[in-house]
N, C-alpha and C. Protein backbone atom coordinates (compact mmCIF):
# COMPACT_ATOMS: atom_id res chain seq x y z
N UNK A 1 40.11 26.77 -45.24
CA UNK A 1 40.26 26.61 -43.80
C UNK A 1 40.65 25.16 -43.53
N UNK A 2 41.71 25.02 -42.86
CA UNK A 2 42.18 23.68 -42.52
C UNK A 2 41.80 23.38 -41.09
N UNK A 3 41.49 22.14 -40.85
CA UNK A 3 41.14 21.75 -39.48
C UNK A 3 42.34 21.10 -38.84
N UNK A 4 42.58 21.53 -37.65
CA UNK A 4 43.67 20.94 -36.88
C UNK A 4 43.07 20.11 -35.75
N UNK A 5 43.65 18.99 -35.50
CA UNK A 5 43.21 18.15 -34.40
C UNK A 5 43.55 18.85 -33.10
N UNK A 6 42.53 18.93 -32.22
CA UNK A 6 42.76 19.56 -30.94
C UNK A 6 43.35 18.56 -29.99
N UNK A 7 44.33 18.94 -29.33
CA UNK A 7 44.94 18.05 -28.34
C UNK A 7 44.32 18.38 -26.99
N UNK A 8 43.65 17.36 -26.42
CA UNK A 8 42.99 17.54 -25.12
C UNK A 8 43.97 17.23 -24.01
N UNK A 9 43.79 17.90 -22.88
CA UNK A 9 44.64 17.57 -21.75
C UNK A 9 44.40 16.14 -21.28
N UNK A 10 45.36 15.54 -20.61
CA UNK A 10 45.27 14.17 -20.14
C UNK A 10 44.05 13.93 -19.26
N UNK A 11 43.69 14.89 -18.40
CA UNK A 11 42.61 14.67 -17.44
C UNK A 11 41.23 15.04 -18.04
N UNK A 12 41.17 15.40 -19.31
CA UNK A 12 39.91 15.80 -19.93
C UNK A 12 39.14 14.56 -20.35
N UNK A 13 37.81 14.46 -20.02
CA UNK A 13 37.02 13.31 -20.41
C UNK A 13 36.88 13.23 -21.93
N UNK A 14 36.93 12.02 -22.47
CA UNK A 14 36.88 11.85 -23.91
C UNK A 14 35.59 11.17 -24.39
N UNK A 15 34.85 10.53 -23.50
CA UNK A 15 33.60 9.90 -23.90
C UNK A 15 32.47 10.47 -23.05
N UNK A 16 31.24 10.23 -23.51
CA UNK A 16 30.06 10.67 -22.75
C UNK A 16 30.03 10.00 -21.38
N UNK A 17 30.39 8.74 -21.35
CA UNK A 17 30.44 8.03 -20.06
C UNK A 17 31.41 8.66 -19.11
N UNK A 18 32.60 9.03 -19.61
CA UNK A 18 33.59 9.70 -18.77
C UNK A 18 33.06 11.05 -18.30
N UNK A 19 32.39 11.78 -19.18
CA UNK A 19 31.86 13.09 -18.82
C UNK A 19 30.81 12.97 -17.73
N UNK A 20 29.88 12.02 -17.90
CA UNK A 20 28.84 11.85 -16.90
C UNK A 20 29.38 11.33 -15.58
N UNK A 21 30.40 10.50 -15.64
CA UNK A 21 31.00 9.98 -14.42
C UNK A 21 31.71 11.08 -13.64
N UNK A 22 32.19 12.10 -14.34
CA UNK A 22 32.91 13.17 -13.65
C UNK A 22 31.98 14.25 -13.09
N UNK A 23 30.69 14.20 -13.45
CA UNK A 23 29.74 15.19 -12.95
C UNK A 23 28.95 14.57 -11.81
N UNK A 24 28.88 15.25 -10.69
CA UNK A 24 28.13 14.74 -9.54
C UNK A 24 26.71 15.26 -9.53
N UNK A 25 26.46 16.45 -10.07
CA UNK A 25 25.12 17.03 -10.09
C UNK A 25 24.61 17.02 -11.52
N UNK A 26 23.69 16.07 -11.85
CA UNK A 26 23.22 15.93 -13.22
C UNK A 26 22.37 17.11 -13.69
N UNK A 27 21.85 17.91 -12.79
CA UNK A 27 21.03 19.05 -13.21
C UNK A 27 21.88 20.11 -13.91
N UNK A 28 23.19 20.05 -13.74
CA UNK A 28 24.05 21.02 -14.41
C UNK A 28 24.44 20.59 -15.81
N UNK A 29 24.14 19.34 -16.17
CA UNK A 29 24.49 18.85 -17.49
C UNK A 29 23.47 19.40 -18.48
N UNK A 30 23.94 20.03 -19.54
CA UNK A 30 23.05 20.58 -20.55
C UNK A 30 22.32 19.44 -21.25
N UNK A 31 21.01 19.60 -21.37
CA UNK A 31 20.21 18.58 -22.04
C UNK A 31 19.70 17.49 -21.12
N UNK A 32 19.94 17.61 -19.81
CA UNK A 32 19.42 16.61 -18.89
C UNK A 32 17.89 16.67 -18.94
N UNK A 33 17.22 15.55 -19.20
CA UNK A 33 15.78 15.51 -19.36
C UNK A 33 15.15 14.77 -18.20
N UNK A 34 14.41 15.51 -17.37
CA UNK A 34 13.78 14.90 -16.21
C UNK A 34 12.42 14.32 -16.55
N UNK A 35 11.97 14.48 -17.80
CA UNK A 35 10.64 14.01 -18.17
C UNK A 35 10.66 12.58 -18.70
N UNK A 36 11.75 11.88 -18.65
CA UNK A 36 11.81 10.50 -19.09
C UNK A 36 11.04 9.64 -18.09
N UNK A 37 10.07 8.90 -18.60
CA UNK A 37 9.21 8.08 -17.74
C UNK A 37 9.95 6.81 -17.34
N UNK A 38 10.01 6.52 -16.04
CA UNK A 38 10.65 5.27 -15.62
C UNK A 38 9.83 4.06 -16.07
N UNK A 39 10.45 2.94 -16.19
CA UNK A 39 9.77 1.71 -16.61
C UNK A 39 8.75 1.31 -15.53
N UNK A 40 7.59 0.80 -16.00
CA UNK A 40 6.55 0.37 -15.06
C UNK A 40 7.02 -0.91 -14.36
N UNK A 41 6.90 -0.95 -13.02
CA UNK A 41 7.30 -2.17 -12.29
C UNK A 41 6.39 -3.35 -12.65
N UNK A 42 6.91 -4.54 -12.54
CA UNK A 42 6.14 -5.75 -12.78
C UNK A 42 5.10 -5.93 -11.68
N UNK A 43 3.95 -6.45 -12.05
CA UNK A 43 2.88 -6.72 -11.10
C UNK A 43 2.71 -8.23 -10.99
N UNK A 44 2.75 -8.73 -9.77
CA UNK A 44 2.48 -10.15 -9.56
C UNK A 44 0.97 -10.34 -9.49
N UNK A 45 0.43 -11.42 -10.05
CA UNK A 45 -1.01 -11.66 -9.99
C UNK A 45 -1.50 -11.73 -8.55
N UNK A 46 -2.65 -11.12 -8.30
CA UNK A 46 -3.27 -11.15 -6.97
C UNK A 46 -4.18 -12.37 -6.92
N UNK A 47 -3.87 -13.33 -6.07
CA UNK A 47 -4.62 -14.57 -6.03
C UNK A 47 -5.51 -14.73 -4.81
N UNK A 48 -5.45 -13.79 -3.87
CA UNK A 48 -6.22 -13.96 -2.64
C UNK A 48 -7.52 -13.17 -2.62
N UNK A 49 -7.91 -12.59 -3.73
CA UNK A 49 -9.20 -11.90 -3.82
C UNK A 49 -10.05 -12.60 -4.87
N UNK A 50 -11.38 -12.69 -4.64
CA UNK A 50 -12.24 -13.44 -5.57
C UNK A 50 -12.57 -12.65 -6.83
N UNK A 51 -12.84 -13.36 -7.90
CA UNK A 51 -13.40 -12.77 -9.11
C UNK A 51 -14.90 -12.76 -8.95
N UNK A 52 -15.55 -11.73 -9.48
CA UNK A 52 -17.00 -11.61 -9.38
C UNK A 52 -17.58 -11.30 -10.76
N UNK A 53 -18.68 -11.98 -11.07
CA UNK A 53 -19.42 -11.70 -12.30
C UNK A 53 -20.43 -10.61 -11.98
N UNK A 54 -20.30 -9.47 -12.65
CA UNK A 54 -21.17 -8.32 -12.38
C UNK A 54 -21.73 -7.77 -13.69
N UNK A 55 -22.71 -6.89 -13.57
CA UNK A 55 -23.23 -6.19 -14.74
C UNK A 55 -22.36 -4.98 -15.03
N UNK A 56 -22.13 -4.72 -16.30
CA UNK A 56 -21.34 -3.55 -16.70
C UNK A 56 -22.15 -2.30 -16.37
N UNK A 57 -21.52 -1.35 -15.70
CA UNK A 57 -22.19 -0.08 -15.38
C UNK A 57 -21.56 1.04 -16.19
N UNK A 58 -22.09 2.22 -16.03
CA UNK A 58 -21.61 3.39 -16.78
C UNK A 58 -20.15 3.70 -16.48
N UNK A 59 -19.73 3.47 -15.24
CA UNK A 59 -18.37 3.83 -14.83
C UNK A 59 -17.33 2.80 -15.25
N UNK A 60 -17.76 1.63 -15.66
CA UNK A 60 -16.82 0.58 -16.09
C UNK A 60 -16.65 0.70 -17.59
N UNK A 61 -15.40 0.88 -18.06
CA UNK A 61 -15.18 1.15 -19.47
C UNK A 61 -14.18 0.22 -20.15
N UNK A 62 -13.04 -0.06 -19.51
CA UNK A 62 -11.93 -0.70 -20.20
C UNK A 62 -11.60 -2.07 -19.59
N UNK A 63 -11.35 -3.03 -20.45
CA UNK A 63 -10.92 -4.36 -20.03
C UNK A 63 -9.43 -4.29 -19.65
N UNK A 64 -9.10 -4.78 -18.47
CA UNK A 64 -7.71 -4.76 -18.02
C UNK A 64 -6.86 -5.78 -18.77
N UNK A 65 -7.49 -6.77 -19.38
CA UNK A 65 -6.75 -7.80 -20.11
C UNK A 65 -6.36 -7.38 -21.52
N UNK A 66 -7.36 -6.97 -22.32
CA UNK A 66 -7.10 -6.63 -23.73
C UNK A 66 -7.11 -5.13 -23.99
N UNK A 67 -7.46 -4.33 -23.00
CA UNK A 67 -7.56 -2.86 -23.08
C UNK A 67 -8.69 -2.43 -24.01
N UNK A 68 -9.59 -3.36 -24.36
CA UNK A 68 -10.74 -3.05 -25.22
C UNK A 68 -11.87 -2.42 -24.44
N UNK A 69 -12.87 -1.94 -25.15
CA UNK A 69 -14.03 -1.26 -24.57
C UNK A 69 -15.02 -2.30 -24.07
N UNK A 70 -15.38 -2.23 -22.79
CA UNK A 70 -16.34 -3.16 -22.21
C UNK A 70 -17.77 -2.81 -22.58
N UNK A 71 -18.03 -1.58 -22.96
CA UNK A 71 -19.40 -1.15 -23.24
C UNK A 71 -19.81 -1.37 -24.69
N UNK A 72 -18.89 -1.81 -25.55
CA UNK A 72 -19.20 -1.97 -26.97
C UNK A 72 -19.93 -3.27 -27.29
N UNK A 73 -19.88 -4.24 -26.40
CA UNK A 73 -20.51 -5.55 -26.65
C UNK A 73 -21.99 -5.48 -26.26
N UNK A 74 -22.86 -5.34 -27.25
CA UNK A 74 -24.30 -5.21 -26.98
C UNK A 74 -24.95 -6.52 -26.57
N UNK A 75 -24.33 -7.66 -26.94
CA UNK A 75 -24.91 -8.96 -26.60
C UNK A 75 -24.76 -9.28 -25.12
N UNK A 76 -23.72 -8.77 -24.50
CA UNK A 76 -23.43 -9.12 -23.11
C UNK A 76 -23.22 -7.86 -22.29
N UNK A 77 -23.92 -7.77 -21.22
CA UNK A 77 -23.78 -6.62 -20.31
C UNK A 77 -23.08 -7.04 -19.01
N UNK A 78 -22.32 -8.13 -19.07
CA UNK A 78 -21.60 -8.63 -17.91
C UNK A 78 -20.10 -8.42 -18.08
N UNK A 79 -19.41 -8.40 -16.93
CA UNK A 79 -17.95 -8.42 -16.95
C UNK A 79 -17.49 -9.09 -15.66
N UNK A 80 -16.20 -9.38 -15.61
CA UNK A 80 -15.60 -9.95 -14.40
C UNK A 80 -14.86 -8.84 -13.68
N UNK A 81 -15.06 -8.77 -12.36
CA UNK A 81 -14.39 -7.77 -11.53
C UNK A 81 -13.43 -8.49 -10.59
N UNK A 82 -12.25 -7.90 -10.42
CA UNK A 82 -11.24 -8.49 -9.55
C UNK A 82 -10.41 -7.38 -8.92
N UNK A 83 -10.29 -7.39 -7.62
CA UNK A 83 -9.47 -6.41 -6.93
C UNK A 83 -8.03 -6.90 -6.96
N UNK A 84 -7.13 -6.07 -7.51
CA UNK A 84 -5.74 -6.51 -7.66
C UNK A 84 -4.77 -5.34 -7.62
N UNK A 85 -3.51 -5.69 -7.44
CA UNK A 85 -2.44 -4.69 -7.42
C UNK A 85 -2.12 -4.22 -8.84
N UNK A 86 -1.72 -2.96 -8.91
CA UNK A 86 -1.27 -2.39 -10.18
C UNK A 86 -0.44 -1.16 -9.83
N UNK A 87 0.11 -0.53 -10.84
CA UNK A 87 0.87 0.71 -10.66
C UNK A 87 0.28 1.79 -11.55
N UNK A 88 0.16 3.01 -10.99
CA UNK A 88 -0.34 4.17 -11.72
C UNK A 88 0.76 5.20 -11.78
N UNK A 89 0.98 5.78 -12.96
CA UNK A 89 2.02 6.79 -13.12
C UNK A 89 1.54 8.12 -12.56
N UNK A 90 2.28 8.68 -11.63
CA UNK A 90 2.05 10.03 -11.11
C UNK A 90 2.96 10.94 -11.92
N UNK A 91 2.40 11.57 -12.94
CA UNK A 91 3.23 12.31 -13.90
C UNK A 91 3.92 13.52 -13.28
N UNK A 92 3.25 14.21 -12.36
CA UNK A 92 3.87 15.40 -11.78
C UNK A 92 5.11 15.06 -10.94
N UNK A 93 5.15 13.86 -10.40
CA UNK A 93 6.28 13.41 -9.58
C UNK A 93 7.19 12.45 -10.34
N UNK A 94 6.72 11.96 -11.50
CA UNK A 94 7.47 11.06 -12.36
C UNK A 94 7.86 9.75 -11.65
N UNK A 95 6.83 9.11 -11.02
CA UNK A 95 7.07 7.81 -10.40
C UNK A 95 5.79 6.98 -10.48
N UNK A 96 5.93 5.67 -10.26
CA UNK A 96 4.80 4.74 -10.29
C UNK A 96 4.31 4.50 -8.87
N UNK A 97 3.04 4.72 -8.62
CA UNK A 97 2.42 4.50 -7.30
C UNK A 97 1.68 3.16 -7.32
N UNK A 98 1.93 2.35 -6.30
CA UNK A 98 1.26 1.06 -6.20
C UNK A 98 -0.17 1.27 -5.73
N UNK A 99 -1.11 0.58 -6.41
CA UNK A 99 -2.53 0.70 -6.06
C UNK A 99 -3.12 -0.70 -5.83
N UNK A 100 -4.28 -0.73 -5.21
CA UNK A 100 -5.04 -1.97 -5.01
C UNK A 100 -6.49 -1.63 -5.32
N UNK A 101 -6.88 -1.80 -6.59
CA UNK A 101 -8.19 -1.37 -7.07
C UNK A 101 -8.87 -2.47 -7.86
N UNK A 102 -10.16 -2.24 -8.14
CA UNK A 102 -10.90 -3.16 -9.00
C UNK A 102 -10.42 -3.05 -10.44
N UNK A 103 -10.24 -4.18 -11.06
CA UNK A 103 -9.96 -4.28 -12.49
C UNK A 103 -11.13 -5.04 -13.10
N UNK A 104 -11.48 -4.71 -14.33
CA UNK A 104 -12.61 -5.34 -14.99
C UNK A 104 -12.15 -6.01 -16.28
N UNK A 105 -12.78 -7.15 -16.59
CA UNK A 105 -12.39 -7.95 -17.73
C UNK A 105 -13.63 -8.34 -18.54
N UNK A 106 -13.44 -8.51 -19.86
CA UNK A 106 -14.48 -9.13 -20.66
C UNK A 106 -14.73 -10.53 -20.12
N UNK A 107 -15.91 -11.06 -20.34
CA UNK A 107 -16.17 -12.43 -19.98
C UNK A 107 -15.57 -13.30 -21.08
N UNK A 108 -14.27 -13.29 -21.14
CA UNK A 108 -13.48 -14.01 -22.14
C UNK A 108 -12.26 -14.63 -21.45
N UNK A 109 -12.03 -15.88 -21.70
CA UNK A 109 -10.93 -16.60 -21.08
C UNK A 109 -9.58 -15.92 -21.31
N UNK A 110 -9.29 -15.52 -22.58
CA UNK A 110 -7.99 -14.94 -22.89
C UNK A 110 -7.77 -13.59 -22.20
N UNK A 111 -8.82 -12.81 -22.00
CA UNK A 111 -8.67 -11.52 -21.32
C UNK A 111 -8.24 -11.69 -19.86
N UNK A 112 -8.87 -12.61 -19.17
CA UNK A 112 -8.59 -12.81 -17.75
C UNK A 112 -7.22 -13.46 -17.55
N UNK A 113 -6.91 -14.48 -18.33
CA UNK A 113 -5.68 -15.24 -18.16
C UNK A 113 -4.45 -14.41 -18.52
N UNK A 114 -4.62 -13.37 -19.32
CA UNK A 114 -3.46 -12.55 -19.70
C UNK A 114 -2.80 -11.88 -18.49
N UNK A 115 -3.59 -11.52 -17.48
CA UNK A 115 -3.03 -10.91 -16.27
C UNK A 115 -3.09 -11.84 -15.05
N UNK A 116 -3.88 -12.90 -15.13
CA UNK A 116 -4.07 -13.82 -14.01
C UNK A 116 -3.99 -15.26 -14.51
N UNK A 117 -2.78 -15.76 -14.74
CA UNK A 117 -2.63 -17.09 -15.34
C UNK A 117 -3.18 -18.23 -14.48
N UNK A 118 -3.32 -18.03 -13.18
CA UNK A 118 -3.82 -19.08 -12.31
C UNK A 118 -5.32 -18.94 -12.03
N UNK A 119 -6.03 -18.22 -12.86
CA UNK A 119 -7.47 -17.98 -12.70
C UNK A 119 -8.23 -19.28 -12.73
N UNK A 120 -9.11 -19.48 -11.71
CA UNK A 120 -9.94 -20.69 -11.63
C UNK A 120 -11.39 -20.27 -11.90
N UNK A 121 -11.93 -20.76 -12.99
CA UNK A 121 -13.26 -20.37 -13.42
C UNK A 121 -14.35 -20.81 -12.45
N UNK A 122 -14.13 -21.90 -11.76
CA UNK A 122 -15.14 -22.42 -10.82
C UNK A 122 -15.33 -21.51 -9.62
N UNK A 123 -14.36 -20.67 -9.30
CA UNK A 123 -14.42 -19.85 -8.10
C UNK A 123 -15.01 -18.46 -8.31
N UNK A 124 -15.53 -18.18 -9.50
CA UNK A 124 -16.13 -16.87 -9.77
C UNK A 124 -17.42 -16.74 -8.96
N UNK A 125 -17.58 -15.62 -8.28
CA UNK A 125 -18.78 -15.37 -7.48
C UNK A 125 -19.79 -14.57 -8.30
N UNK A 126 -21.05 -14.91 -8.12
CA UNK A 126 -22.15 -14.21 -8.80
C UNK A 126 -22.54 -12.97 -8.01
N UNK A 127 -22.52 -11.82 -8.68
CA UNK A 127 -22.96 -10.57 -8.07
C UNK A 127 -23.98 -9.89 -8.98
N UNK A 128 -24.90 -10.69 -9.52
CA UNK A 128 -25.92 -10.18 -10.43
C UNK A 128 -27.21 -9.94 -9.68
N UNK A 129 -28.03 -9.02 -10.20
CA UNK A 129 -29.28 -8.66 -9.55
C UNK A 129 -30.45 -9.54 -9.98
N UNK A 130 -30.20 -10.48 -10.86
CA UNK A 130 -31.27 -11.33 -11.37
C UNK A 130 -30.83 -12.79 -11.34
N UNK A 131 -31.79 -13.68 -11.54
CA UNK A 131 -31.52 -15.10 -11.57
C UNK A 131 -30.90 -15.48 -12.93
N UNK A 132 -29.95 -16.37 -12.91
CA UNK A 132 -29.27 -16.81 -14.11
C UNK A 132 -30.05 -17.97 -14.72
N UNK A 133 -30.28 -17.91 -16.02
CA UNK A 133 -31.03 -18.96 -16.71
C UNK A 133 -30.07 -19.98 -17.31
N UNK A 134 -30.61 -21.06 -17.83
CA UNK A 134 -29.81 -22.08 -18.49
C UNK A 134 -29.08 -21.53 -19.70
N UNK A 135 -29.71 -20.58 -20.41
CA UNK A 135 -29.07 -19.94 -21.55
C UNK A 135 -27.85 -19.12 -21.12
N UNK A 136 -27.95 -18.48 -19.97
CA UNK A 136 -26.81 -17.73 -19.44
C UNK A 136 -25.64 -18.65 -19.13
N UNK A 137 -25.96 -19.80 -18.54
CA UNK A 137 -24.91 -20.74 -18.18
C UNK A 137 -24.22 -21.28 -19.44
N UNK A 138 -25.00 -21.55 -20.48
CA UNK A 138 -24.43 -22.00 -21.75
C UNK A 138 -23.49 -20.95 -22.30
N UNK A 139 -23.92 -19.68 -22.24
CA UNK A 139 -23.09 -18.56 -22.71
C UNK A 139 -21.77 -18.50 -21.92
N UNK A 140 -21.85 -18.61 -20.59
CA UNK A 140 -20.65 -18.55 -19.75
C UNK A 140 -19.72 -19.73 -20.02
N UNK A 141 -20.26 -20.89 -20.26
CA UNK A 141 -19.43 -22.06 -20.58
C UNK A 141 -18.69 -21.85 -21.89
N UNK A 142 -19.36 -21.26 -22.88
CA UNK A 142 -18.72 -20.99 -24.16
C UNK A 142 -17.57 -19.99 -24.02
N UNK A 143 -17.78 -18.99 -23.19
CA UNK A 143 -16.79 -17.91 -23.04
C UNK A 143 -15.63 -18.27 -22.12
N UNK A 144 -15.92 -19.00 -21.04
CA UNK A 144 -14.91 -19.24 -20.01
C UNK A 144 -14.43 -20.68 -19.91
N UNK A 145 -15.11 -21.59 -20.54
CA UNK A 145 -14.67 -22.99 -20.50
C UNK A 145 -15.71 -23.86 -19.82
N UNK A 146 -15.72 -25.13 -20.14
CA UNK A 146 -16.72 -26.05 -19.61
C UNK A 146 -16.60 -26.28 -18.11
N UNK A 147 -15.44 -26.04 -17.54
CA UNK A 147 -15.29 -26.27 -16.10
C UNK A 147 -16.01 -25.20 -15.28
N UNK A 148 -16.44 -24.13 -15.95
CA UNK A 148 -17.19 -23.07 -15.28
C UNK A 148 -18.65 -23.53 -15.11
N UNK A 149 -19.30 -23.09 -14.09
CA UNK A 149 -20.75 -23.31 -13.88
C UNK A 149 -21.10 -24.78 -13.63
N UNK A 150 -20.36 -25.50 -12.85
CA UNK A 150 -20.67 -26.90 -12.65
C UNK A 150 -21.92 -27.11 -11.79
N UNK A 151 -21.91 -26.63 -10.54
CA UNK A 151 -23.07 -26.90 -9.70
C UNK A 151 -23.36 -25.78 -8.70
N UNK A 152 -22.59 -24.69 -8.75
CA UNK A 152 -22.70 -23.70 -7.70
C UNK A 152 -23.52 -22.47 -8.09
N UNK A 153 -24.04 -22.40 -9.33
CA UNK A 153 -24.74 -21.22 -9.76
C UNK A 153 -26.25 -21.43 -9.74
N UNK A 154 -27.01 -20.50 -9.16
CA UNK A 154 -28.46 -20.64 -9.18
C UNK A 154 -29.00 -20.32 -10.57
N UNK A 155 -29.86 -21.16 -11.11
CA UNK A 155 -30.44 -20.88 -12.41
C UNK A 155 -31.82 -21.49 -12.49
N UNK A 156 -32.61 -21.01 -13.46
CA UNK A 156 -33.98 -21.51 -13.67
C UNK A 156 -33.98 -22.70 -14.58
């Protein structure tokens, strides 16, 4: 069997780009895949809401900075909470919905700064149910930097 080169008419598209450009309704193109997830939009850091030091609860699970488990650290039952913008994928509609929700972070400098580069450690608000001791302040200074806990935190 010999193969003969097919001669296409002049107006026939020769590349995929030409073929797609000539089709106005993409749903008629064989193999059109509507399940391709669009790229997640960039999120600008939210700087007008305060960070709060809180106790980790049952409903808080994942660090927004490193995506690690917040409940696995047995030494520390605290985390930082911050209300900020983000995008959530609505899979049934195949689009990203903008949200404004609480995000939680390990009490670790690198976790917080990864999403909030202008984070100021001195401005963290205390939302704990107990009094903070000198040992707690030492722990927070080690984790967040010496500029944290200067004179605004109540302790024994």
